[in-house]
């Protein structure tokens, strides 16, 4: 996960994130959602986290916390 978080720091705008060629893996979805929260793209992040919750991660405290952050960022 640490490597994914470091990679998220390099994607400092949506276009950079979108241009990454990443493997199709459930972890990639967590990475994309995390990066979207960092970029303050809360709507897209919430869509991704909702999809992950529906896929079986609904009890993940990390996912719940990240969704709370995204909801908070939407207010500002």
PDB file of N, CA and C in Angstrom:
ATOM      1  N   UNK A   1       0.819  -1.192   0.000  1.00  0.00           N
ATOM      2  CA  UNK A   1       0.000   0.000   0.000  1.00  0.00           C
ATOM      3  C   UNK A   1       0.861   1.254   0.000  1.00  0.00           C
ATOM      4  N   UNK A   2       1.992   1.193   0.682  1.00  0.00           N
ATOM      5  CA  UNK A   2       2.870   2.373   0.739  1.00  0.00           C
ATOM      6  C   UNK A   2       3.308   2.820  -0.654  1.00  0.00           C
ATOM      7  N   UNK A   3       3.600   1.871  -1.519  1.00  0.00           N
ATOM      8  CA  UNK A   3       4.005   2.225  -2.884  1.00  0.00           C
ATOM      9  C   UNK A   3       2.852   2.893  -3.637  1.00  0.00           C
ATOM     10  N   UNK A   4       1.632   2.412  -3.423  1.00  0.00           N
ATOM     11  CA  UNK A   4       0.468   3.022  -4.059  1.00  0.00           C
ATOM     12  C   UNK A   4       0.287   4.457  -3.575  1.00  0.00           C
ATOM     13  N   UNK A   5       0.458   4.687  -2.274  1.00  0.00           N
ATOM     14  CA  UNK A   5       0.301   6.037  -1.717  1.00  0.00           C
ATOM     15  C   UNK A   5       1.369   6.972  -2.283  1.00  0.00           C
ATOM     16  N   UNK A   6       2.594   6.475  -2.412  1.00  0.00           N
ATOM     17  CA  UNK A   6       3.660   7.289  -3.012  1.00  0.00           C
ATOM     18  C   UNK A   6       3.319   7.633  -4.457  1.00  0.00           C
ATOM     19  N   UNK A   7       2.794   6.676  -5.187  1.00  0.00           N
ATOM     20  CA  UNK A   7       2.404   6.913  -6.576  1.00  0.00           C
ATOM     21  C   UNK A   7       1.286   7.953  -6.653  1.00  0.00           C
ATOM     22  N   UNK A   8       0.360   7.911  -5.709  1.00  0.00           N
ATOM     23  CA  UNK A   8      -0.736   8.893  -5.684  1.00  0.00           C
ATOM     24  C   UNK A   8      -0.191  10.304  -5.529  1.00  0.00           C
ATOM     25  N   UNK A   9       0.878  10.459  -4.769  1.00  0.00           N
ATOM     26  CA  UNK A   9       1.483  11.773  -4.585  1.00  0.00           C
ATOM     27  C   UNK A   9       2.068  12.345  -5.860  1.00  0.00           C
ATOM     28  N   UNK A  10       2.415  11.487  -6.796  1.00  0.00           N
ATOM     29  CA  UNK A  10       2.975  11.948  -8.070  1.00  0.00           C
ATOM     30  C   UNK A  10       1.893  12.410  -9.045  1.00  0.00           C
ATOM     31  N   UNK A  11       0.689  11.917  -8.855  1.00  0.00           N
ATOM     32  CA  UNK A  11      -0.425  12.305  -9.727  1.00  0.00           C
ATOM     33  C   UNK A  11      -1.060  13.559  -9.140  1.00  0.00           C
ATOM     34  N   UNK A  12      -0.483  14.704  -9.474  1.00  0.00           N
ATOM     35  CA  UNK A  12      -0.926  15.958  -8.856  1.00  0.00           C
ATOM     36  C   UNK A  12      -2.056  16.653  -9.617  1.00  0.00           C
ATOM     37  N   UNK A  13      -2.566  16.018 -10.645  1.00  0.00           N
ATOM     38  CA  UNK A  13      -3.738  16.520 -11.358  1.00  0.00           C
ATOM     39  C   UNK A  13      -4.440  15.331 -11.997  1.00  0.00           C
ATOM     40  N   UNK A  14      -5.703  15.511 -12.327  1.00  0.00           N
ATOM     41  CA  UNK A  14      -6.503  14.397 -12.833  1.00  0.00           C
ATOM     42  C   UNK A  14      -5.914  13.790 -14.101  1.00  0.00           C
ATOM     43  N   UNK A  15      -5.405  14.616 -14.990  1.00  0.00           N
ATOM     44  CA  UNK A  15      -4.858  14.113 -16.253  1.00  0.00           C
ATOM     45  C   UNK A  15      -3.691  13.160 -16.002  1.00  0.00           C
ATOM     46  N   UNK A  16      -2.851  13.482 -15.021  1.00  0.00           N
ATOM     47  CA  UNK A  16      -1.728  12.599 -14.686  1.00  0.00           C
ATOM     48  C   UNK A  16      -2.242  11.276 -14.142  1.00  0.00           C
ATOM     49  N   UNK A  17      -3.256  11.334 -13.308  1.00  0.00           N
ATOM     50  CA  UNK A  17      -3.849  10.120 -12.753  1.00  0.00           C
ATOM     51  C   UNK A  17      -4.480   9.288 -13.855  1.00  0.00           C
ATOM     52  N   UNK A  18      -5.203   9.937 -14.729  1.00  0.00           N
ATOM     53  CA  UNK A  18      -5.902   9.248 -15.811  1.00  0.00           C
ATOM     54  C   UNK A  18      -4.935   8.614 -16.809  1.00  0.00           C
ATOM     55  N   UNK A  19      -3.743   9.167 -16.942  1.00  0.00           N
ATOM     56  CA  UNK A  19      -2.789   8.646 -17.924  1.00  0.00           C
ATOM     57  C   UNK A  19      -1.993   7.445 -17.415  1.00  0.00           C
ATOM     58  N   UNK A  20      -2.081   7.145 -16.128  1.00  0.00           N
ATOM     59  CA  UNK A  20      -1.348   6.004 -15.582  1.00  0.00           C
ATOM     60  C   UNK A  20      -1.887   4.699 -16.151  1.00  0.00           C
ATOM     61  N   UNK A  21      -0.983   3.810 -16.498  1.00  0.00           N
ATOM     62  CA  UNK A  21      -1.374   2.486 -16.973  1.00  0.00           C
ATOM     63  C   UNK A  21      -1.151   1.513 -15.821  1.00  0.00           C
ATOM     64  N   UNK A  22      -2.244   1.175 -15.153  1.00  0.00           N
ATOM     65  CA  UNK A  22      -2.177   0.354 -13.953  1.00  0.00           C
ATOM     66  C   UNK A  22      -2.828  -1.000 -14.196  1.00  0.00           C
ATOM     67  N   UNK A  23      -2.385  -2.020 -13.457  1.00  0.00           N
ATOM     68  CA  UNK A  23      -2.984  -3.347 -13.616  1.00  0.00           C
ATOM     69  C   UNK A  23      -4.434  -3.354 -13.128  1.00  0.00           C
ATOM     70  N   UNK A  24      -5.255  -4.160 -13.756  1.00  0.00           N
ATOM     71  CA  UNK A  24      -6.648  -4.302 -13.319  1.00  0.00           C
ATOM     72  C   UNK A  24      -6.674  -5.205 -12.088  1.00  0.00           C
ATOM     73  N   UNK A  25      -6.789  -4.580 -10.944  1.00  0.00           N
ATOM     74  CA  UNK A  25      -6.744  -5.277  -9.661  1.00  0.00           C
ATOM     75  C   UNK A  25      -7.589  -4.473  -8.689  1.00  0.00           C
ATOM     76  N   UNK A  26      -8.223  -5.138  -7.733  1.00  0.00           N
ATOM     77  CA  UNK A  26      -9.079  -4.402  -6.797  1.00  0.00           C
ATOM     78  C   UNK A  26      -8.294  -3.347  -6.027  1.00  0.00           C
ATOM     79  N   UNK A  27      -7.011  -3.580  -5.805  1.00  0.00           N
ATOM     80  CA  UNK A  27      -6.197  -2.604  -5.078  1.00  0.00           C
ATOM     81  C   UNK A  27      -6.058  -1.308  -5.874  1.00  0.00           C
ATOM     82  N   UNK A  28      -6.059  -1.434  -7.200  1.00  0.00           N
ATOM     83  CA  UNK A  28      -5.976  -0.253  -8.049  1.00  0.00           C
ATOM     84  C   UNK A  28      -7.183   0.652  -7.820  1.00  0.00           C
ATOM     85  N   UNK A  29      -8.348   0.066  -7.566  1.00  0.00           N
ATOM     86  CA  UNK A  29      -9.545   0.870  -7.304  1.00  0.00           C
ATOM     87  C   UNK A  29      -9.410   1.661  -6.006  1.00  0.00           C
ATOM     88  N   UNK A  30      -8.825   1.049  -4.981  1.00  0.00           N
ATOM     89  CA  UNK A  30      -8.565   1.781  -3.743  1.00  0.00           C
ATOM     90  C   UNK A  30      -7.583   2.921  -3.998  1.00  0.00           C
ATOM     91  N   UNK A  31      -6.561   2.652  -4.803  1.00  0.00           N
ATOM     92  CA  UNK A  31      -5.574   3.677  -5.143  1.00  0.00           C
ATOM     93  C   UNK A  31      -6.227   4.858  -5.863  1.00  0.00           C
ATOM     94  N   UNK A  32      -7.026   4.555  -6.872  1.00  0.00           N
ATOM     95  CA  UNK A  32      -7.671   5.620  -7.649  1.00  0.00           C
ATOM     96  C   UNK A  32      -8.569   6.457  -6.747  1.00  0.00           C
ATOM     97  N   UNK A  33      -9.352   5.808  -5.905  1.00  0.00           N
ATOM     98  CA  UNK A  33     -10.237   6.544  -5.004  1.00  0.00           C
ATOM     99  C   UNK A  33      -9.431   7.412  -4.046  1.00  0.00           C
ATOM    100  N   UNK A  34      -8.337   6.868  -3.516  1.00  0.00           N
ATOM    101  CA  UNK A  34      -7.466   7.637  -2.615  1.00  0.00           C
ATOM    102  C   UNK A  34      -6.910   8.867  -3.340  1.00  0.00           C
ATOM    103  N   UNK A  35      -6.426   8.665  -4.555  1.00  0.00           N
ATOM    104  CA  UNK A  35      -5.863   9.775  -5.327  1.00  0.00           C
ATOM    105  C   UNK A  35      -6.936  10.821  -5.635  1.00  0.00           C
ATOM    106  N   UNK A  36      -8.145  10.382  -5.923  1.00  0.00           N
ATOM    107  CA  UNK A  36      -9.235  11.325  -6.195  1.00  0.00           C
ATOM    108  C   UNK A  36      -9.559  12.162  -4.966  1.00  0.00           C
ATOM    109  N   UNK A  37      -9.515  11.553  -3.784  1.00  0.00           N
ATOM    110  CA  UNK A  37      -9.727  12.321  -2.548  1.00  0.00           C
ATOM    111  C   UNK A  37      -8.618  13.351  -2.392  1.00  0.00           C
ATOM    112  N   UNK A  38      -7.380  12.947  -2.645  1.00  0.00           N
ATOM    113  CA  UNK A  38      -6.251  13.870  -2.532  1.00  0.00           C
ATOM    114  C   UNK A  38      -6.384  15.039  -3.507  1.00  0.00           C
ATOM    115  N   UNK A  39      -6.943  14.773  -4.682  1.00  0.00           N
ATOM    116  CA  UNK A  39      -7.134  15.815  -5.694  1.00  0.00           C
ATOM    117  C   UNK A  39      -8.412  16.622  -5.458  1.00  0.00           C
ATOM    118  N   UNK A  40      -9.122  16.306  -4.378  1.00  0.00           N
ATOM    119  CA  UNK A  40     -10.384  16.984  -4.024  1.00  0.00           C
ATOM    120  C   UNK A  40     -11.463  16.770  -5.084  1.00  0.00           C
ATOM    121  N   UNK A  41     -11.408  15.618  -5.752  1.00  0.00           N
ATOM    122  CA  UNK A  41     -12.440  15.227  -6.715  1.00  0.00           C
ATOM    123  C   UNK A  41     -13.392  14.272  -5.994  1.00  0.00           C
ATOM    124  N   UNK A  42     -14.130  14.843  -5.066  1.00  0.00           N
ATOM    125  CA  UNK A  42     -14.911  14.064  -4.112  1.00  0.00           C
ATOM    126  C   UNK A  42     -16.016  13.236  -4.756  1.00  0.00           C
ATOM    127  N   UNK A  43     -16.697  13.778  -5.741  1.00  0.00           N
ATOM    128  CA  UNK A  43     -17.795  13.036  -6.374  1.00  0.00           C
ATOM    129  C   UNK A  43     -17.283  11.741  -6.999  1.00  0.00           C
ATOM    130  N   UNK A  44     -16.187  11.837  -7.741  1.00  0.00           N
ATOM    131  CA  UNK A  44     -15.618  10.651  -8.374  1.00  0.00           C
ATOM    132  C   UNK A  44     -15.094   9.667  -7.328  1.00  0.00           C
ATOM    133  N   UNK A  45     -14.489  10.199  -6.272  1.00  0.00           N
ATOM    134  CA  UNK A  45     -13.986   9.341  -5.198  1.00  0.00           C
ATOM    135  C   UNK A  45     -15.136   8.586  -4.546  1.00  0.00           C
ATOM    136  N   UNK A  46     -16.231   9.285  -4.268  1.00  0.00           N
ATOM    137  CA  UNK A  46     -17.381   8.633  -3.638  1.00  0.00           C
ATOM    138  C   UNK A  46     -17.983   7.557  -4.534  1.00  0.00           C
ATOM    139  N   UNK A  47     -18.015   7.793  -5.828  1.00  0.00           N
ATOM    140  CA  UNK A  47     -18.506   6.769  -6.757  1.00  0.00           C
ATOM    141  C   UNK A  47     -17.644   5.516  -6.673  1.00  0.00           C
ATOM    142  N   UNK A  48     -16.333   5.704  -6.644  1.00  0.00           N
ATOM    143  CA  UNK A  48     -15.418   4.567  -6.580  1.00  0.00           C
ATOM    144  C   UNK A  48     -15.536   3.845  -5.250  1.00  0.00           C
ATOM    145  N   UNK A  49     -15.588   4.593  -4.153  1.00  0.00           N
ATOM    146  CA  UNK A  49     -15.726   3.968  -2.838  1.00  0.00           C
ATOM    147  C   UNK A  49     -17.071   3.255  -2.696  1.00  0.00           C
ATOM    148  N   UNK A  50     -18.129   3.806  -3.262  1.00  0.00           N
ATOM    149  CA  UNK A  50     -19.432   3.143  -3.220  1.00  0.00           C
ATOM    150  C   UNK A  50     -19.378   1.820  -3.971  1.00  0.00           C
ATOM    151  N   UNK A  51     -18.693   1.823  -5.096  1.00  0.00           N
ATOM    152  CA  UNK A  51     -18.516   0.592  -5.865  1.00  0.00           C
ATOM    153  C   UNK A  51     -17.734  -0.449  -5.060  1.00  0.00           C
ATOM    154  N   UNK A  52     -16.685  -0.005  -4.379  1.00  0.00           N
ATOM    155  CA  UNK A  52     -15.905  -0.926  -3.546  1.00  0.00           C
ATOM    156  C   UNK A  52     -16.736  -1.455  -2.381  1.00  0.00           C
ATOM    157  N   UNK A  53     -17.557  -0.607  -1.787  1.00  0.00           N
ATOM    158  CA  UNK A  53     -18.427  -1.048  -0.691  1.00  0.00           C
ATOM    159  C   UNK A  53     -19.395  -2.120  -1.191  1.00  0.00           C
ATOM    160  N   UNK A  54     -19.926  -1.931  -2.382  1.00  0.00           N
ATOM    161  CA  UNK A  54     -20.850  -2.908  -2.968  1.00  0.00           C
ATOM    162  C   UNK A  54     -20.157  -4.214  -3.323  1.00  0.00           C
ATOM    163  N   UNK A  55     -18.853  -4.140  -3.550  1.00  0.00           N
ATOM    164  CA  UNK A  55     -18.081  -5.326  -3.922  1.00  0.00           C
ATOM    165  C   UNK A  55     -17.645  -6.146  -2.710  1.00  0.00           C
ATOM    166  N   UNK A  56     -18.036  -5.720  -1.506  1.00  0.00           N
ATOM    167  CA  UNK A  56     -17.714  -6.518  -0.327  1.00  0.00           C
ATOM    168  C   UNK A  56     -16.867  -5.831   0.721  1.00  0.00           C
ATOM    169  N   UNK A  57     -16.514  -4.582   0.494  1.00  0.00           N
ATOM    170  CA  UNK A  57     -15.658  -3.866   1.440  1.00  0.00           C
ATOM    171  C   UNK A  57     -16.448  -2.891   2.322  1.00  0.00           C
ATOM    172  N   UNK A  58     -17.739  -3.106   2.467  1.00  0.00           N
ATOM    173  CA  UNK A  58     -18.586  -2.148   3.186  1.00  0.00           C
ATOM    174  C   UNK A  58     -18.228  -2.010   4.664  1.00  0.00           C
ATOM    175  N   UNK A  59     -17.580  -2.997   5.253  1.00  0.00           N
ATOM    176  CA  UNK A  59     -17.191  -2.921   6.668  1.00  0.00           C
ATOM    177  C   UNK A  59     -15.763  -2.423   6.869  1.00  0.00           C
ATOM    178  N   UNK A  60     -15.100  -2.041   5.811  1.00  0.00           N
ATOM    179  CA  UNK A  60     -13.724  -1.552   5.908  1.00  0.00           C
ATOM    180  C   UNK A  60     -13.698  -0.188   6.588  1.00  0.00           C
ATOM    181  N   UNK A  61     -12.988  -0.105   7.706  1.00  0.00           N
ATOM    182  CA  UNK A  61     -12.899   1.182   8.402  1.00  0.00           C
ATOM    183  C   UNK A  61     -12.153   2.207   7.555  1.00  0.00           C
ATOM    184  N   UNK A  62     -11.181   1.762   6.771  1.00  0.00           N
ATOM    185  CA  UNK A  62     -10.468   2.674   5.874  1.00  0.00           C
ATOM    186  C   UNK A  62     -11.444   3.278   4.865  1.00  0.00           C
ATOM    187  N   UNK A  63     -12.240   2.425   4.241  1.00  0.00           N
ATOM    188  CA  UNK A  63     -13.185   2.892   3.237  1.00  0.00           C
ATOM    189  C   UNK A  63     -14.201   3.853   3.855  1.00  0.00           C
ATOM    190  N   UNK A  64     -14.711   3.519   5.016  1.00  0.00           N
ATOM    191  CA  UNK A  64     -15.682   4.388   5.692  1.00  0.00           C
ATOM    192  C   UNK A  64     -15.057   5.743   6.010  1.00  0.00           C
ATOM    193  N   UNK A  65     -13.822   5.736   6.497  1.00  0.00           N
ATOM    194  CA  UNK A  65     -13.137   6.994   6.828  1.00  0.00           C
ATOM    195  C   UNK A  65     -12.889   7.829   5.579  1.00  0.00           C
ATOM    196  N   UNK A  66     -12.459   7.202   4.500  1.00  0.00           N
ATOM    197  CA  UNK A  66     -12.201   7.937   3.263  1.00  0.00           C
ATOM    198  C   UNK A  66     -13.492   8.526   2.693  1.00  0.00           C
ATOM    199  N   UNK A  67     -14.588   7.784   2.808  1.00  0.00           N
ATOM    200  CA  UNK A  67     -15.871   8.316   2.342  1.00  0.00           C
ATOM    201  C   UNK A  67     -16.281   9.523   3.183  1.00  0.00           C
ATOM    202  N   UNK A  68     -16.011   9.462   4.476  1.00  0.00           N
ATOM    203  CA  UNK A  68     -16.318  10.604   5.347  1.00  0.00           C
ATOM    204  C   UNK A  68     -15.499  11.826   4.942  1.00  0.00           C
ATOM    205  N   UNK A  69     -14.224  11.617   4.623  1.00  0.00           N
ATOM    206  CA  UNK A  69     -13.368  12.722   4.177  1.00  0.00           C
ATOM    207  C   UNK A  69     -13.909  13.313   2.874  1.00  0.00           C
ATOM    208  N   UNK A  70     -14.282  12.447   1.943  1.00  0.00           N
ATOM    209  CA  UNK A  70     -14.810  12.927   0.660  1.00  0.00           C
ATOM    210  C   UNK A  70     -16.109  13.709   0.859  1.00  0.00           C
ATOM    211  N   UNK A  71     -16.977  13.217   1.730  1.00  0.00           N
ATOM    212  CA  UNK A  71     -18.219  13.953   2.017  1.00  0.00           C
ATOM    213  C   UNK A  71     -17.904  15.309   2.646  1.00  0.00           C
ATOM    214  N   UNK A  72     -16.938  15.331   3.542  1.00  0.00           N
ATOM    215  CA  UNK A  72     -16.544  16.588   4.183  1.00  0.00           C
ATOM    216  C   UNK A  72     -15.995  17.577   3.145  1.00  0.00           C
ATOM    217  N   UNK A  73     -15.165  17.078   2.244  1.00  0.00           N
ATOM    218  CA  UNK A  73     -14.579  17.941   1.212  1.00  0.00           C
ATOM    219  C   UNK A  73     -15.640  18.508   0.271  1.00  0.00           C
ATOM    220  N   UNK A  74     -16.723  17.775   0.064  1.00  0.00           N
ATOM    221  CA  UNK A  74     -17.806  18.269  -0.799  1.00  0.00           C
ATOM    222  C   UNK A  74     -18.458  19.514  -0.221  1.00  0.00           C
ATOM    223  N   UNK A  75     -18.424  19.650   1.091  1.00  0.00           N
ATOM    224  CA  UNK A  75     -19.055  20.796   1.750  1.00  0.00           C
ATOM    225  C   UNK A  75     -18.308  22.089   1.475  1.00  0.00           C
ATOM    226  N   UNK A  76     -16.994  21.986   1.310  1.00  0.00           N
ATOM    227  CA  UNK A  76     -16.165  23.177   1.182  1.00  0.00           C
ATOM    228  C   UNK A  76     -16.145  23.724  -0.156  1.00  0.00           C
TER     229      UNK A  76
END
